[in-house]
Amino acid sequence: MYQTIFRLLPFVVFTLMQSGAAAQPQGSPLAEAFRQFSSDRAVTNANWSIVVYDVSSQIPVLVHNPDKPLVPASTQKLLTSATALLTLGAAYQYETHLEYDGYIGRDGTLNGNLFVRGSGDPSFGSSLLDDSLAIESTIKYFIQAIIDAGIKKIAGHVIADESIFDNEMVPRRWVWEHIGNYFGAGTSGLSVNENEYTAYFNAGNKIGASASLAGTQPVIPGMVLINEVTTGPSGSGDQVYIFGSPFQNERRLTGTVPLGARNFPVRGSMAEPAQYFADVFAAFINKSGIEVSGNSMSLRFANMSGIIPDGERTTIYSYHSPHLFDIIYRTNLASVNSYAESLLKTLGKETNGSGSTNAGLEAIYTFWSAYGIDPSSWSLFDGSGLSPSNRLTANQLLQVLEVTAAHPAFSVLIHSLPLAGYSGSLGPHFRGTPSEGVLRAKSGYLTNARAFAGYTPMQNGNLAAFVFIVNDYQDTPAGMRNKMFRLMDAITRHDGQPLQ
């Protein structure tokens, strides 16, 4: 719908943005909305920026503090997903391989080990992206491949090989309060079920009473849950925090579930997804009538134990993931942190030969340096924006949006963003406004940081890209969100004239 010719970014149009001076707009709905927001007491001592850019005519419309480094929260996923899309291509697919070492005897015995070698696919074994990708459905293909290879017994181990990525499942700057919860799941070279499990609670019969743990789905062998959850007021929602680190199976659960709740779901992060998959896969193999005489384990554990021969492997099956455009759709629409971290490490592996956070960040720096963005001015520690240590400027993220809007894959990125009044974090909002059904934006939220970045058509028919970040505000998160929404809706209602 909005077509531009792919070109190098004309940085001359950013001269105004780089001035750092606040715009002083007058005489339009956008001008009035900006005036009201900037004079609100909630932002008197806040650090905030907004940049609105007419992508169609390549003209800045509204600029305030464009070069102030701020916490971008999950709007940083736009940077990661856009880089992956423009670098790897929308049709990119991950491949997860079923392999064995040793040899298959005449009696059908595999005298060796069976491996599932991960490729960093964040969607592997996830029913949340597509029901056909659920772990049970996926494993059926692997079981059939074992049967087709003539294997009737495995005289070795079942090993989940996650080595395409490093063993740093969560970035170093994530906070302890996050990493045991589902949104702190991180990534693995062999992810499964989005590296999550769900614990179910039954509330007590009064506020303050202990809440009982009814079980988990899936059941994770070896996981120990220390339940300190109590009962909170009716309607108080999920106030549970889960504490635990990668590769440690003990999890401590604190906080409250609401009075009257039964089978109340609380999502947590898996300690070691590859180990969980190895256990589940081995159980399925045995259930299918193929005996496994060895153990099930992750490659990390196998290497620690010194039991893995460095022999050649034979591939008997390769499982292909959904295309990258589907993965990016879920990454941005549902704001899945583990997907963004997988994309970041995939960039590192594909461009720098290392599946690490640092290699992925280096790939991002290198790619956007070609468009004139100085990587030394960025301060990034992950791909998802979950770290409160991240810093980006509105101008930098706006440049990413502008370049992507000129790329043939733009339709993939824009349709991955929540749609005002219809989907994702914007689904319940903007209804009955001009932005309903047309404004698309990625939201970001951390403690005392709110951000939105995306696109909307203006009244003159041109497409506007915008980045709006507020840190250190004095308001409730919902209150600040609604104030930002009013200014965002004014962009849609704007006639497109630059405000100065």
Protein backbone atom coordinates (compact mmCIF):
# COMPACT_ATOMS: atom_id res chain seq x y z
CA MET A 1 0.00 0.00 0.00
CA TYR A 2 2.78 2.39 0.90
CA GLN A 3 5.53 2.00 -1.68
CA THR A 4 8.90 3.71 -1.65
CA ILE A 5 12.07 3.01 -3.57
CA PHE A 6 14.69 1.18 -1.55
CA ARG A 7 17.62 3.54 -1.13
CA LEU A 8 20.26 4.65 1.31
CA LEU A 9 18.72 6.71 4.08
CA PRO A 10 18.87 10.44 3.20
CA PHE A 11 20.34 11.58 6.49
CA VAL A 12 19.99 15.19 5.52
CA VAL A 13 16.35 14.97 6.60
CA PHE A 14 17.51 14.06 10.09
CA THR A 15 19.40 17.33 10.57
CA LEU A 16 16.39 18.78 12.36
CA MET A 17 16.09 15.65 14.49
CA GLN A 18 19.70 15.81 15.58
CA SER A 19 19.33 19.35 16.95
CA GLY A 20 17.93 17.99 20.23
CA ALA A 21 15.64 20.99 20.63
CA ALA A 22 12.00 20.52 21.49
CA ALA A 23 9.52 21.23 18.74
CA GLN A 24 7.05 24.04 19.35
CA PRO A 25 4.08 23.02 17.21
CA GLN A 26 0.98 25.16 16.90
CA GLY A 27 -2.49 25.08 15.36
CA SER A 28 -3.38 21.39 14.80
CA PRO A 29 -4.72 18.38 16.74
CA LEU A 30 -1.17 17.03 16.88
CA ALA A 31 0.14 20.37 18.12
CA GLU A 32 -2.48 20.50 20.85
CA ALA A 33 -1.89 16.87 21.86
CA PHE A 34 1.84 17.53 22.07
CA ARG A 35 1.27 20.65 24.16
CA GLN A 36 -0.99 18.80 26.58
CA PHE A 37 1.40 15.90 26.96
CA SER A 38 4.54 18.00 27.39
CA SER A 39 2.84 20.17 30.03
CA ASP A 40 1.50 17.20 32.02
CA ARG A 41 2.94 16.97 35.52
CA ALA A 42 3.62 13.27 34.97
CA VAL A 43 6.48 14.14 32.62
CA THR A 44 7.83 17.22 34.40
CA ASN A 45 10.87 15.29 35.59
CA ALA A 46 10.67 12.48 33.04
CA ASN A 47 13.09 11.65 30.27
CA TRP A 48 11.15 11.33 27.06
CA SER A 49 11.36 11.56 23.30
CA ILE A 50 9.02 11.54 20.34
CA VAL A 51 9.87 11.54 16.64
CA VAL A 52 7.25 11.46 13.88
CA TYR A 53 8.49 11.10 10.32
CA ASP A 54 6.57 11.22 7.03
CA VAL A 55 7.89 8.12 5.28
CA SER A 56 6.14 8.94 2.02
CA SER A 57 7.54 12.46 1.60
CA GLN A 58 10.65 11.87 3.74
CA ILE A 59 10.04 14.86 5.99
CA PRO A 60 10.20 15.08 9.80
CA VAL A 61 6.82 16.06 11.25
CA LEU A 62 7.40 16.28 15.01
CA VAL A 63 10.67 16.07 16.93
CA HIS A 64 11.39 16.21 20.66
CA ASN A 65 14.63 15.01 22.31
CA PRO A 66 15.47 12.73 19.35
CA ASP A 67 19.00 11.87 20.46
CA LYS A 68 18.41 11.21 24.15
CA PRO A 69 19.41 7.62 25.07
CA LEU A 70 16.42 5.97 26.75
CA VAL A 71 15.26 2.54 27.88
CA PRO A 72 13.33 1.23 24.83
CA ALA A 73 11.81 -1.83 26.55
CA SER A 74 10.19 -4.19 24.02
CA THR A 75 10.22 -1.71 21.15
CA GLN A 76 13.79 -3.00 20.82
CA LYS A 77 12.26 -6.12 19.26
CA LEU A 78 11.66 -3.98 16.18
CA LEU A 79 15.41 -3.51 15.82
CA THR A 80 16.11 -7.22 16.25
CA SER A 81 13.29 -8.48 14.04
CA ALA A 82 13.93 -5.92 11.30
CA THR A 83 17.62 -6.85 11.22
CA ALA A 84 16.75 -10.55 11.03
CA LEU A 85 14.20 -9.95 8.30
CA LEU A 86 16.50 -7.80 6.16
CA THR A 87 19.53 -10.03 6.75
CA LEU A 88 18.10 -13.56 6.60
CA GLY A 89 15.05 -12.99 4.40
CA ALA A 90 11.38 -13.64 5.06
CA ALA A 91 11.59 -17.21 3.72
CA TYR A 92 14.40 -18.28 6.07
CA GLN A 93 13.75 -21.55 7.91
CA TYR A 94 15.45 -23.33 10.79
CA GLU A 95 16.34 -27.02 10.41
CA THR A 96 16.38 -29.43 13.35
CA HIS A 97 18.19 -32.67 12.53
CA LEU A 98 17.75 -36.24 13.78
CA GLU A 99 21.15 -37.97 13.72
CA TYR A 100 23.02 -40.97 15.06
CA ASP A 101 26.61 -41.99 15.52
CA GLY A 102 27.96 -45.52 15.48
CA TYR A 103 26.17 -48.02 13.22
CA ILE A 104 22.90 -49.91 12.85
CA GLY A 105 23.36 -53.69 13.14
CA ARG A 106 21.56 -56.30 11.12
CA ASP A 107 19.17 -56.89 14.01
CA GLY A 108 18.14 -53.22 13.98
CA THR A 109 20.19 -52.25 17.03
CA LEU A 110 21.72 -48.80 16.91
CA ASN A 111 25.15 -49.30 18.40
CA GLY A 112 25.62 -45.65 19.17
CA ASN A 113 23.75 -42.58 20.30
CA LEU A 114 20.70 -40.86 18.87
CA PHE A 115 20.91 -37.07 18.59
CA VAL A 116 18.44 -34.29 17.93
CA ARG A 117 20.58 -31.34 16.81
CA GLY A 118 18.88 -28.03 17.34
CA SER A 119 19.25 -25.03 15.06
CA GLY A 120 18.05 -22.33 17.43
CA ASP A 121 14.46 -22.56 16.20
CA PRO A 122 12.37 -20.69 18.81
CA SER A 123 9.12 -22.22 17.53
CA PHE A 124 10.17 -25.86 17.86
CA GLY A 125 7.56 -27.84 19.77
CA SER A 126 5.35 -24.78 20.27
CA SER A 127 1.57 -25.12 19.99
CA LEU A 128 1.25 -21.38 20.53
CA LEU A 129 2.50 -20.60 17.04
CA ASP A 130 0.72 -23.45 15.29
CA ASP A 131 -1.04 -26.44 16.86
CA SER A 132 0.65 -28.74 14.34
CA LEU A 133 4.00 -27.74 15.90
CA ALA A 134 3.08 -29.04 19.36
CA ILE A 135 5.77 -31.28 20.81
CA GLU A 136 3.68 -34.46 20.44
CA SER A 137 3.03 -33.75 16.76
CA THR A 138 6.64 -32.87 16.09
CA ILE A 139 8.04 -35.97 17.78
CA LYS A 140 5.83 -38.22 15.63
CA TYR A 141 7.91 -37.24 12.60
CA PHE A 142 11.09 -38.17 14.46
CA ILE A 143 9.70 -41.53 15.61
CA GLN A 144 8.68 -42.40 12.06
CA ALA A 145 12.15 -41.50 10.81
CA ILE A 146 13.69 -43.86 13.39
CA ILE A 147 11.39 -46.67 12.23
CA ASP A 148 12.12 -45.91 8.56
CA ALA A 149 15.86 -46.12 9.29
CA GLY A 150 15.35 -49.67 10.54
CA ILE A 151 16.25 -48.91 14.15
CA LYS A 152 14.54 -51.28 16.56
CA LYS A 153 16.71 -50.75 19.62
CA ILE A 154 19.06 -47.98 20.78
CA ALA A 155 22.08 -49.27 22.67
CA GLY A 156 23.25 -45.75 23.50
CA HIS A 157 21.92 -42.46 24.78
CA VAL A 158 19.28 -40.04 23.50
CA ILE A 159 20.94 -36.64 23.35
CA ALA A 160 19.50 -33.20 22.68
CA ASP A 161 22.25 -31.18 21.01
CA GLU A 162 21.80 -27.48 21.77
CA SER A 163 25.38 -26.50 20.89
CA ILE A 164 24.55 -24.19 17.98
CA PHE A 165 24.05 -21.51 20.65
CA ASP A 166 26.23 -20.89 23.66
CA ASN A 167 25.06 -21.95 27.11
CA GLU A 168 24.20 -18.44 28.27
CA MET A 169 20.44 -18.92 28.12
CA VAL A 170 19.59 -15.49 29.50
CA PRO A 171 21.52 -12.26 28.84
CA ARG A 172 23.70 -11.08 31.69
CA ARG A 173 21.84 -7.82 32.27
CA TRP A 174 18.45 -9.41 32.89
CA VAL A 175 17.27 -9.03 36.46
CA TRP A 176 16.75 -11.82 38.98
CA GLU A 177 13.06 -10.97 39.43
CA HIS A 178 12.41 -11.79 35.76
CA ILE A 179 14.35 -14.88 34.76
CA GLY A 180 12.27 -17.51 36.59
CA ASN A 181 9.06 -16.24 34.98
CA TYR A 182 7.84 -17.05 31.48
CA PHE A 183 8.93 -13.72 30.01
CA GLY A 184 12.45 -14.42 31.30
CA ALA A 185 12.71 -17.81 29.62
CA GLY A 186 15.63 -16.87 27.41
CA THR A 187 16.71 -19.12 24.59
CA SER A 188 18.45 -22.39 23.82
CA GLY A 189 19.99 -23.98 20.77
CA LEU A 190 17.19 -26.50 21.18
CA SER A 191 14.15 -24.69 22.50
CA VAL A 192 10.85 -26.45 23.14
CA ASN A 193 7.39 -25.23 24.15
CA GLU A 194 8.81 -21.70 24.02
CA ASN A 195 10.92 -22.76 27.02
CA GLU A 196 7.93 -22.42 29.34
CA TYR A 197 5.79 -24.48 31.67
CA THR A 198 2.56 -23.57 33.46
CA ALA A 199 1.97 -24.13 37.17
CA TYR A 200 -1.65 -24.36 38.38
CA PHE A 201 -2.81 -23.11 41.77
CA ASN A 202 -5.92 -23.43 43.92
CA ALA A 203 -6.46 -20.42 46.17
CA GLY A 204 -7.06 -20.81 49.92
CA ASN A 205 -10.42 -20.09 51.58
CA LYS A 206 -9.41 -16.63 52.83
CA ILE A 207 -6.98 -13.84 52.05
CA GLY A 208 -3.53 -14.74 53.34
CA ALA A 209 -4.15 -18.48 53.34
CA SER A 210 -1.73 -20.74 51.50
CA ALA A 211 -2.53 -21.51 47.88
CA SER A 212 -1.99 -25.14 46.90
CA LEU A 213 -0.04 -26.21 43.83
CA ALA A 214 -2.24 -28.43 41.67
CA GLY A 215 0.48 -29.44 39.21
CA THR A 216 2.33 -28.30 36.11
CA GLN A 217 1.91 -28.64 32.39
CA PRO A 218 4.06 -30.04 31.02
CA VAL A 219 5.47 -32.16 33.81
CA ILE A 220 9.22 -31.52 33.91
CA PRO A 221 11.29 -34.41 35.28
CA GLY A 222 13.48 -33.40 38.20
CA MET A 223 11.96 -29.95 38.71
CA VAL A 224 11.44 -29.02 42.37
CA LEU A 225 8.90 -26.30 43.15
CA ILE A 226 9.07 -24.60 46.54
CA ASN A 227 5.58 -23.15 46.93
CA GLU A 228 5.23 -20.02 49.08
CA VAL A 229 2.22 -18.64 47.18
CA THR A 230 -0.68 -17.33 49.23
CA THR A 231 -4.20 -16.08 48.53
CA GLY A 232 -4.77 -12.46 47.55
CA PRO A 233 -7.96 -10.40 47.12
CA SER A 234 -10.58 -11.53 44.63
CA GLY A 235 -9.81 -10.21 41.17
CA SER A 236 -6.19 -9.37 42.00
CA GLY A 237 -4.90 -11.52 39.15
CA ASP A 238 -1.52 -13.15 38.80
CA GLN A 239 0.84 -11.67 41.40
CA VAL A 240 3.18 -14.66 41.48
CA TYR A 241 6.93 -14.38 40.97
CA ILE A 242 9.08 -17.40 40.25
CA PHE A 243 12.74 -17.37 41.19
CA GLY A 244 15.29 -19.72 39.68
CA SER A 245 18.22 -19.70 37.28
CA PRO A 246 19.06 -21.62 34.10
CA PHE A 247 20.25 -25.22 34.60
CA GLN A 248 18.98 -25.24 38.20
CA ASN A 249 15.81 -27.29 38.65
CA GLU A 250 14.78 -25.77 41.96
CA ARG A 251 12.18 -23.02 41.62
CA ARG A 252 10.81 -20.82 44.43
CA LEU A 253 7.31 -19.42 43.89
CA THR A 254 6.10 -16.43 45.89
CA GLY A 255 3.28 -13.88 45.73
CA THR A 256 -0.46 -14.36 45.46
CA VAL A 257 -3.27 -15.77 43.34
CA PRO A 258 -6.81 -14.35 43.66
CA LEU A 259 -9.35 -15.58 46.18
CA GLY A 260 -11.69 -18.15 44.65
CA ALA A 261 -9.26 -19.22 41.92
CA ARG A 262 -9.16 -22.86 40.86
CA ASN A 263 -6.48 -24.23 38.53
CA PHE A 264 -5.15 -20.70 38.23
CA PRO A 265 -2.33 -20.66 35.61
CA VAL A 266 1.07 -19.11 36.27
CA ARG A 267 3.75 -19.45 33.61
CA GLY A 268 7.41 -20.04 34.38
CA SER A 269 10.70 -20.60 32.54
CA MET A 270 12.26 -24.02 31.98
CA ALA A 271 15.65 -24.54 33.59
CA GLU A 272 17.05 -26.53 30.65
CA PRO A 273 14.84 -26.96 27.57
CA ALA A 274 17.24 -29.35 25.84
CA GLN A 275 17.23 -31.72 28.80
CA TYR A 276 13.44 -31.61 28.94
CA PHE A 277 13.20 -32.45 25.24
CA ALA A 278 15.66 -35.33 25.60
CA ASP A 279 13.57 -36.79 28.43
CA VAL A 280 10.29 -36.44 26.54
CA PHE A 281 11.75 -37.76 23.30
CA ALA A 282 13.23 -40.83 25.01
CA ALA A 283 9.89 -41.54 26.68
CA PHE A 284 8.11 -41.38 23.30
CA ILE A 285 10.70 -43.70 21.75
CA ASN A 286 10.22 -46.28 24.47
CA LYS A 287 6.46 -45.96 24.23
CA SER A 288 6.66 -46.67 20.51
CA GLY A 289 8.27 -50.04 21.24
CA ILE A 290 11.88 -49.06 20.53
CA GLU A 291 13.98 -49.81 23.61
CA VAL A 292 16.53 -47.22 24.76
CA SER A 293 19.20 -48.77 26.97
CA GLY A 294 21.06 -45.54 27.67
CA ASN A 295 20.05 -42.27 29.30
CA SER A 296 18.44 -39.09 28.02
CA MET A 297 20.44 -35.89 28.37
CA SER A 298 21.39 -32.54 26.91
CA LEU A 299 24.69 -32.28 25.08
CA ARG A 300 25.84 -29.85 27.77
CA PHE A 301 25.39 -32.54 30.42
CA ALA A 302 26.89 -35.22 28.19
CA ASN A 303 30.01 -33.12 27.64
CA MET A 304 30.27 -32.43 31.36
CA SER A 305 30.06 -36.17 31.97
CA GLY A 306 32.68 -36.96 29.36
CA ILE A 307 30.61 -39.64 27.67
CA ILE A 308 30.21 -38.28 24.15
CA PRO A 309 32.44 -39.77 21.44
CA ASP A 310 33.62 -37.30 18.85
CA GLY A 311 32.43 -39.41 15.98
CA GLU A 312 30.78 -38.73 12.67
CA ARG A 313 26.99 -38.52 12.67
CA THR A 314 24.49 -39.65 10.06
CA THR A 315 21.36 -37.57 9.47
CA ILE A 316 18.12 -39.50 9.03
CA TYR A 317 15.59 -36.68 9.20
CA SER A 318 15.47 -32.87 9.04
CA TYR A 319 12.57 -30.91 10.46
CA HIS A 320 11.90 -27.49 8.92
CA SER A 321 10.47 -24.65 10.98
CA PRO A 322 7.83 -22.21 9.82
CA HIS A 323 9.23 -19.40 7.70
CA LEU A 324 10.83 -16.41 9.35
CA PHE A 325 7.84 -14.21 8.56
CA ASP A 326 5.67 -16.40 10.80
CA ILE A 327 8.26 -16.37 13.57
CA ILE A 328 8.61 -12.58 13.39
CA TYR A 329 4.83 -12.26 13.47
CA ARG A 330 4.69 -14.04 16.83
CA THR A 331 7.82 -12.27 18.10
CA ASN A 332 6.27 -8.83 17.72
CA LEU A 333 2.55 -9.44 18.05
CA ALA A 334 2.85 -11.39 21.31
CA SER A 335 6.17 -9.79 22.36
CA VAL A 336 7.86 -13.13 23.03
CA ASN A 337 11.27 -12.47 24.56
CA SER A 338 12.65 -15.95 23.90
CA TYR A 339 11.92 -15.56 20.18
CA ALA A 340 13.76 -12.24 20.04
CA GLU A 341 16.78 -13.70 21.84
CA SER A 342 16.80 -16.65 19.41
CA LEU A 343 16.70 -14.27 16.46
CA LEU A 344 19.61 -12.32 17.93
CA LYS A 345 21.77 -15.41 18.41
CA THR A 346 20.78 -16.66 14.95
CA LEU A 347 22.09 -13.40 13.50
CA GLY A 348 25.32 -14.00 15.38
CA LYS A 349 25.60 -17.56 14.07
CA GLU A 350 24.72 -16.74 10.47
CA THR A 351 26.88 -13.63 10.13
CA ASN A 352 29.69 -14.06 12.65
CA GLY A 353 29.82 -17.82 13.15
CA SER A 354 28.92 -17.66 16.84
CA GLY A 355 25.49 -18.24 18.39
CA SER A 356 25.97 -15.79 21.22
CA THR A 357 24.33 -12.57 22.37
CA ASN A 358 27.50 -10.57 21.73
CA ALA A 359 27.90 -11.98 18.22
CA GLY A 360 24.28 -11.14 17.47
CA LEU A 361 24.67 -7.59 18.72
CA GLU A 362 27.79 -7.23 16.60
CA ALA A 363 25.77 -8.35 13.57
CA ILE A 364 23.18 -5.67 14.33
CA TYR A 365 25.84 -3.00 14.76
CA THR A 366 27.52 -3.96 11.49
CA PHE A 367 24.30 -4.04 9.51
CA TRP A 368 23.00 -0.66 10.62
CA SER A 369 26.40 1.00 10.39
CA ALA A 370 25.92 0.79 6.63
CA TYR A 371 22.98 3.17 7.11
CA GLY A 372 24.99 5.68 9.07
CA ILE A 373 23.98 4.72 12.59
CA ASP A 374 27.00 4.88 14.88
CA PRO A 375 27.00 1.67 16.95
CA SER A 376 29.16 3.31 19.60
CA SER A 377 26.14 5.42 20.55
CA TRP A 378 24.04 2.32 21.28
CA SER A 379 24.08 0.48 24.57
CA LEU A 380 22.42 -2.90 24.03
CA PHE A 381 22.59 -6.09 26.06
CA ASP A 382 19.89 -8.32 24.55
CA GLY A 383 17.56 -8.71 21.59
CA SER A 384 14.20 -8.39 23.32
CA GLY A 385 14.52 -5.19 25.35
CA LEU A 386 13.94 -6.94 28.68
CA SER A 387 17.16 -5.59 30.16
CA PRO A 388 16.71 -2.22 31.91
CA SER A 389 20.32 -1.46 30.94
CA ASN A 390 19.50 -1.08 27.23
CA ARG A 391 19.64 2.39 25.72
CA LEU A 392 18.46 3.57 22.30
CA THR A 393 17.46 6.96 20.98
CA ALA A 394 14.15 7.64 19.28
CA ASN A 395 16.07 8.87 16.25
CA GLN A 396 17.99 5.60 15.91
CA LEU A 397 14.89 3.43 16.12
CA LEU A 398 13.09 5.78 13.72
CA GLN A 399 15.87 5.28 11.17
CA VAL A 400 15.34 1.51 11.44
CA LEU A 401 11.63 1.99 10.75
CA GLU A 402 12.32 4.28 7.81
CA VAL A 403 14.81 1.95 6.14
CA THR A 404 12.53 -1.06 6.64
CA ALA A 405 9.58 0.84 5.15
CA ALA A 406 11.57 1.12 1.92
CA HIS A 407 12.37 -2.59 1.78
CA PRO A 408 10.33 -5.21 -0.12
CA ALA A 409 9.88 -7.13 3.16
CA PHE A 410 8.18 -4.16 4.82
CA SER A 411 4.77 -5.83 4.63
CA VAL A 412 6.06 -8.66 6.84
CA LEU A 413 7.27 -6.32 9.56
CA ILE A 414 4.26 -4.01 9.64
CA HIS A 415 1.79 -6.88 9.78
CA SER A 416 3.65 -8.35 12.75
CA LEU A 417 2.82 -5.26 14.79
CA PRO A 418 -0.29 -5.04 16.99
CA LEU A 419 -3.19 -3.31 15.23
CA ALA A 420 -5.09 -0.60 17.08
CA GLY A 421 -8.45 -1.91 18.26
CA TYR A 422 -7.86 -5.41 16.94
CA SER A 423 -4.78 -7.32 18.04
CA GLY A 424 -1.95 -7.70 20.49
CA SER A 425 -1.28 -5.06 23.12
CA LEU A 426 -3.31 -2.51 21.13
CA GLY A 427 -6.35 -4.78 20.73
CA PRO A 428 -8.46 -3.28 23.56
CA HIS A 429 -7.49 0.32 22.73
CA PHE A 430 -8.19 3.08 20.17
CA ARG A 431 -11.68 1.79 19.45
CA GLY A 432 -13.90 4.48 17.98
CA THR A 433 -10.90 6.66 17.11
CA PRO A 434 -9.33 7.46 13.71
CA SER A 435 -6.44 5.14 14.65
CA GLU A 436 -8.66 2.08 14.96
CA GLY A 437 -7.75 -0.48 12.32
CA VAL A 438 -4.90 1.56 10.83
CA LEU A 439 -2.28 2.37 13.48
CA ARG A 440 0.23 -0.40 14.09
CA ALA A 441 2.84 -0.26 16.83
CA LYS A 442 5.10 -2.38 18.99
CA SER A 443 4.67 -1.56 22.65
CA GLY A 444 7.30 -1.65 25.35
CA TYR A 445 6.89 -1.78 29.11
CA LEU A 446 9.31 -2.08 32.01
CA THR A 447 9.19 -0.53 35.45
CA ASN A 448 8.89 3.22 34.84
CA ALA A 449 9.47 2.87 31.10
CA ARG A 450 6.77 2.94 28.42
CA ALA A 451 7.39 3.02 24.69
CA PHE A 452 5.61 2.66 21.36
CA ALA A 453 7.05 2.52 17.87
CA GLY A 454 5.36 1.84 14.57
CA TYR A 455 3.40 3.31 11.68
CA THR A 456 0.11 5.03 10.95
CA PRO A 457 -1.39 6.76 7.91
CA MET A 458 -2.01 10.50 8.34
CA GLN A 459 -4.95 12.48 6.99
CA ASN A 460 -3.04 13.43 3.84
CA GLY A 461 -2.70 9.74 2.96
CA ASN A 462 1.02 9.58 3.71
CA LEU A 463 2.52 6.97 5.99
CA ALA A 464 4.07 8.20 9.22
CA ALA A 465 6.66 6.28 11.22
CA PHE A 466 6.89 7.22 14.88
CA VAL A 467 8.86 6.41 18.01
CA PHE A 468 7.58 7.55 21.42
CA ILE A 469 9.55 6.65 24.58
CA VAL A 470 8.95 7.85 28.14
CA ASN A 471 11.19 6.97 31.09
CA ASP A 472 11.01 8.01 34.75
CA TYR A 473 7.44 9.32 34.63
CA GLN A 474 5.26 10.09 37.66
CA ASP A 475 2.06 8.20 36.91
CA THR A 476 0.60 4.72 36.92
CA PRO A 477 1.67 2.56 33.97
CA ALA A 478 -1.91 2.56 32.66
CA GLY A 479 -2.23 6.30 33.13
CA MET A 480 0.94 7.01 31.16
CA ARG A 481 -0.08 4.55 28.44
CA ASN A 482 -3.40 6.33 27.93
CA LYS A 483 -1.74 9.73 27.75
CA MET A 484 0.66 8.42 25.14
CA PHE A 485 -2.26 6.93 23.20
CA ARG A 486 -3.91 10.34 22.91
CA LEU A 487 -0.80 11.79 21.33
CA MET A 488 -0.40 8.77 19.06
CA ASP A 489 -4.00 9.10 17.85
CA ALA A 490 -3.29 12.74 17.03
CA ILE A 491 -0.60 11.54 14.59
CA THR A 492 -3.27 9.64 12.65
CA ARG A 493 -5.48 12.77 12.69
CA HIS A 494 -2.65 15.03 11.56
CA ASP A 495 -2.65 16.66 8.14
CA GLY A 496 1.02 15.84 7.57
CA GLN A 497 2.42 19.36 7.83
CA PRO A 498 5.75 19.63 9.74
CA LEU A 499 5.34 21.21 13.18
CA GLN A 500 7.99 23.69 14.24
